[in-house]
Amino acid sequence: MGTPRDLEQSILELSGAPDLRPLNVAELAQKLPCPPQKRPRLREALARLERGGRIARIKAGERFALPVEADLSPVRIRINRP
């Protein structure tokens, strides 16, 4: 695993693989492979991708998938209170 962008790209490629179900952090770490000491970097990359709408957290927040594969539309809701 190189730069944060390389890690994000690897996550997106893995998440978009055909016939692959949504994975949790431990499963992603195993498939990438990502050693235990690098798991914080993996979680940070997942958080960046999720904030950017490029990946979605599904199934009670445990697993990650591409929004299109999960039939989700990434949107941002903004509420202004008077």
Protein backbone atom coordinates (compact mmCIF):
# COMPACT_ATOMS: atom_id res chain seq x y z
CA MET A 1 0.00 0.00 0.00
CA GLY A 2 1.53 3.26 -1.16
CA THR A 3 -0.03 6.69 -0.96
CA PRO A 4 -3.51 7.40 0.43
CA ARG A 5 -4.78 7.79 -3.16
CA ASP A 6 -3.38 4.37 -4.08
CA LEU A 7 -5.17 2.88 -1.10
CA GLU A 8 -8.43 4.61 -2.02
CA GLN A 9 -8.13 3.39 -5.62
CA SER A 10 -7.48 -0.17 -4.39
CA ILE A 11 -10.58 0.00 -2.18
CA LEU A 12 -12.72 1.26 -5.09
CA GLU A 13 -11.40 -1.42 -7.46
CA LEU A 14 -12.04 -4.15 -4.90
CA SER A 15 -15.50 -2.81 -4.08
CA GLY A 16 -16.40 -2.74 -7.77
CA ALA A 17 -15.31 -6.31 -8.46
CA PRO A 18 -18.11 -8.43 -9.95
CA ASP A 19 -19.69 -11.09 -7.72
CA LEU A 20 -18.19 -9.58 -4.57
CA ARG A 21 -20.49 -8.86 -1.67
CA PRO A 22 -20.04 -5.73 0.47
CA LEU A 23 -17.10 -6.11 2.85
CA ASN A 24 -16.40 -4.90 6.37
CA VAL A 25 -13.09 -3.34 7.44
CA ALA A 26 -11.51 -6.65 8.49
CA GLU A 27 -12.48 -8.33 5.20
CA LEU A 28 -11.19 -5.36 3.18
CA ALA A 29 -7.91 -5.48 5.12
CA GLN A 30 -7.55 -9.18 4.36
CA LYS A 31 -8.30 -8.82 0.64
CA LEU A 32 -6.04 -5.79 0.03
CA PRO A 33 -3.76 -7.04 2.06
CA CYS A 34 -3.39 -4.51 4.85
CA PRO A 35 -1.39 -5.44 7.97
CA PRO A 36 -2.95 -4.66 11.37
CA GLN A 37 -0.65 -1.67 12.01
CA LYS A 38 -1.98 -0.02 8.81
CA ARG A 39 -5.67 -0.47 9.66
CA PRO A 40 -6.02 3.17 10.86
CA ARG A 41 -4.95 4.29 7.35
CA LEU A 42 -7.56 1.95 5.87
CA ARG A 43 -10.28 3.40 8.11
CA GLU A 44 -9.20 6.95 7.21
CA ALA A 45 -9.33 6.13 3.49
CA LEU A 46 -12.81 4.60 3.90
CA ALA A 47 -13.98 7.72 5.75
CA ARG A 48 -12.63 10.00 2.98
CA LEU A 49 -14.33 7.90 0.29
CA GLU A 50 -17.58 7.86 2.26
CA ARG A 51 -17.55 11.65 2.81
CA GLY A 52 -16.91 12.12 -0.89
CA GLY A 53 -19.85 9.88 -1.82
CA ARG A 54 -17.61 7.42 -3.65
CA ILE A 55 -18.40 4.53 -1.30
CA ALA A 56 -21.40 3.82 0.92
CA ARG A 57 -21.69 2.28 4.36
CA ILE A 58 -24.47 -0.29 4.34
CA LYS A 59 -25.96 -3.10 6.46
CA ALA A 60 -26.10 -1.34 9.81
CA GLY A 61 -22.88 0.55 9.09
CA GLU A 62 -20.77 -2.58 9.09
CA ARG A 63 -20.03 -3.05 5.38
CA PHE A 64 -18.92 -0.89 2.46
CA ALA A 65 -20.03 -0.93 -1.18
CA LEU A 66 -20.10 1.33 -4.20
CA PRO A 67 -23.28 3.45 -4.06
CA VAL A 68 -24.39 2.30 -7.51
CA GLU A 69 -24.00 -1.37 -6.57
CA ALA A 70 -26.04 -0.82 -3.40
CA ASP A 71 -28.79 1.07 -5.32
CA LEU A 72 -27.98 4.24 -3.39
CA SER A 73 -27.58 7.81 -4.57
CA PRO A 74 -24.95 9.86 -2.78
CA VAL A 75 -26.57 13.09 -1.63
CA ARG A 76 -25.84 15.73 0.94
CA ILE A 77 -28.74 17.13 2.91
CA ARG A 78 -28.35 20.62 4.29
CA ILE A 79 -30.77 21.96 6.88
CA ASN A 80 -30.88 25.62 7.80
CA ARG A 81 -32.58 26.44 11.05
CA PRO A 82 -33.99 29.91 11.65
